[in-house]
Amino acid sequence: MKKNRTLGFIFAALAILLSNVMCAVVGYNYSSMLWGIQYAGYSAPANTAFLLAIPYAVGIVICAVVSHICFRKAKTFANG
């Protein structure tokens, strides 16, 4: 089905977009934490900024799984 294939492409693009946004957000927060530790007296280590990657990683995995399922269904409908 063309609909399943289109949905597969949409979710694959969304997974790629989420990975780029994740890198930007985590990088910004990491540098903000480094600044805060040095100048504002933050007590948490800068590595805590990487905890923000967890929800993005979950979203990326979900989008990749949905995309894979859509592509498999499209292939099944095309063959059978």
C-alpha atoms as a PDB file:
ATOM      1  CA  MET A   1       0.000   0.000   0.000  1.00  0.00           C
ATOM      2  CA  LYS A   2       1.182   3.441  -0.844  1.00  0.00           C
ATOM      3  CA  LYS A   3      -0.215   4.807   2.423  1.00  0.00           C
ATOM      4  CA  ASN A   4       1.959   2.491   4.529  1.00  0.00           C
ATOM      5  CA  ARG A   5       5.038   3.371   2.515  1.00  0.00           C
ATOM      6  CA  THR A   6       4.359   7.098   2.918  1.00  0.00           C
ATOM      7  CA  LEU A   7       3.888   6.681   6.656  1.00  0.00           C
ATOM      8  CA  GLY A   8       7.145   4.760   6.779  1.00  0.00           C
ATOM      9  CA  PHE A   9       8.988   7.641   5.130  1.00  0.00           C
ATOM     10  CA  ILE A  10       7.349  10.176   7.446  1.00  0.00           C
ATOM     11  CA  PHE A  11       8.360   8.274  10.576  1.00  0.00           C
ATOM     12  CA  ALA A  12      11.883   7.690   9.246  1.00  0.00           C
ATOM     13  CA  ALA A  13      12.247  11.426   8.591  1.00  0.00           C
ATOM     14  CA  LEU A  14      10.856  12.177  12.044  1.00  0.00           C
ATOM     15  CA  ALA A  15      13.440   9.858  13.627  1.00  0.00           C
ATOM     16  CA  ILE A  16      16.240  11.652  11.789  1.00  0.00           C
ATOM     17  CA  LEU A  17      14.838  15.045  12.769  1.00  0.00           C
ATOM     18  CA  LEU A  18      14.561  13.973  16.405  1.00  0.00           C
ATOM     19  CA  SER A  19      18.186  12.831  16.427  1.00  0.00           C
ATOM     20  CA  ASN A  20      19.339  16.217  15.140  1.00  0.00           C
ATOM     21  CA  VAL A  21      17.208  18.097  17.665  1.00  0.00           C
ATOM     22  CA  MET A  22      18.493  15.824  20.435  1.00  0.00           C
ATOM     23  CA  CYS A  23      22.104  16.636  19.573  1.00  0.00           C
ATOM     24  CA  ALA A  24      21.403  20.371  19.554  1.00  0.00           C
ATOM     25  CA  VAL A  25      19.486  20.376  22.849  1.00  0.00           C
ATOM     26  CA  VAL A  26      21.948  18.174  24.708  1.00  0.00           C
ATOM     27  CA  GLY A  27      24.928  20.146  23.385  1.00  0.00           C
ATOM     28  CA  TYR A  28      23.390  23.452  24.409  1.00  0.00           C
ATOM     29  CA  ASN A  29      22.493  22.212  27.882  1.00  0.00           C
ATOM     30  CA  TYR A  30      25.935  20.669  28.349  1.00  0.00           C
ATOM     31  CA  SER A  31      27.653  23.950  27.549  1.00  0.00           C
ATOM     32  CA  SER A  32      25.169  25.787  29.778  1.00  0.00           C
ATOM     33  CA  MET A  33      25.998  23.402  32.623  1.00  0.00           C
ATOM     34  CA  LEU A  34      29.721  23.930  32.107  1.00  0.00           C
ATOM     35  CA  TRP A  35      29.205  27.694  32.281  1.00  0.00           C
ATOM     36  CA  GLY A  36      27.021  27.351  35.355  1.00  0.00           C
ATOM     37  CA  ILE A  37      29.553  25.176  37.148  1.00  0.00           C
ATOM     38  CA  GLN A  38      32.355  27.603  36.440  1.00  0.00           C
ATOM     39  CA  TYR A  39      30.619  30.931  37.035  1.00  0.00           C
ATOM     40  CA  ALA A  40      27.251  30.459  38.768  1.00  0.00           C
ATOM     41  CA  GLY A  41      28.176  27.807  41.315  1.00  0.00           C
ATOM     42  CA  TYR A  42      26.067  24.886  40.066  1.00  0.00           C
ATOM     43  CA  SER A  43      26.702  21.783  42.128  1.00  0.00           C
ATOM     44  CA  ALA A  44      25.547  19.123  39.646  1.00  0.00           C
ATOM     45  CA  PRO A  45      28.094  17.668  37.245  1.00  0.00           C
ATOM     46  CA  ALA A  46      27.866  18.644  33.587  1.00  0.00           C
ATOM     47  CA  ASN A  47      27.143  15.040  32.645  1.00  0.00           C
ATOM     48  CA  THR A  48      23.593  15.457  33.947  1.00  0.00           C
ATOM     49  CA  ALA A  49      22.844  17.277  30.682  1.00  0.00           C
ATOM     50  CA  PHE A  50      23.072  13.899  28.946  1.00  0.00           C
ATOM     51  CA  LEU A  51      19.984  12.737  30.848  1.00  0.00           C
ATOM     52  CA  LEU A  52      17.955  14.863  28.441  1.00  0.00           C
ATOM     53  CA  ALA A  53      18.927  12.453  25.676  1.00  0.00           C
ATOM     54  CA  ILE A  54      16.810   9.657  27.200  1.00  0.00           C
ATOM     55  CA  PRO A  55      13.348  10.902  26.106  1.00  0.00           C
ATOM     56  CA  TYR A  56      14.685  11.783  22.663  1.00  0.00           C
ATOM     57  CA  ALA A  57      16.256   8.328  22.323  1.00  0.00           C
ATOM     58  CA  VAL A  58      12.952   6.698  23.264  1.00  0.00           C
ATOM     59  CA  GLY A  59      11.158   8.795  20.641  1.00  0.00           C
ATOM     60  CA  ILE A  60      13.747   7.920  18.000  1.00  0.00           C
ATOM     61  CA  VAL A  61      13.404   4.206  18.724  1.00  0.00           C
ATOM     62  CA  ILE A  62       9.608   4.398  18.593  1.00  0.00           C
ATOM     63  CA  CYS A  63       9.691   6.262  15.265  1.00  0.00           C
ATOM     64  CA  ALA A  64      12.184   3.777  13.830  1.00  0.00           C
ATOM     65  CA  VAL A  65      10.056   0.802  14.911  1.00  0.00           C
ATOM     66  CA  VAL A  66       6.863   2.322  13.475  1.00  0.00           C
ATOM     67  CA  SER A  67       8.698   3.114  10.240  1.00  0.00           C
ATOM     68  CA  HIS A  68       9.997  -0.443  10.001  1.00  0.00           C
ATOM     69  CA  ILE A  69       6.514  -1.861  10.607  1.00  0.00           C
ATOM     70  CA  CYS A  70       5.007   0.393   7.931  1.00  0.00           C
ATOM     71  CA  PHE A  71       7.648  -0.601   5.382  1.00  0.00           C
ATOM     72  CA  ARG A  72       7.117  -4.290   6.180  1.00  0.00           C
ATOM     73  CA  LYS A  73       3.357  -3.963   5.754  1.00  0.00           C
ATOM     74  CA  ALA A  74       3.824  -2.115   2.475  1.00  0.00           C
ATOM     75  CA  LYS A  75       6.123  -4.877   1.241  1.00  0.00           C
ATOM     76  CA  THR A  76       3.650  -7.563   2.340  1.00  0.00           C
ATOM     77  CA  PHE A  77       0.770  -5.875   0.512  1.00  0.00           C
ATOM     78  CA  ALA A  78       2.889  -5.439  -2.620  1.00  0.00           C
ATOM     79  CA  ASN A  79       3.853  -9.128  -2.678  1.00  0.00           C
ATOM     80  CA  GLY A  80       0.656 -10.648  -1.741  1.00  0.00           C
END
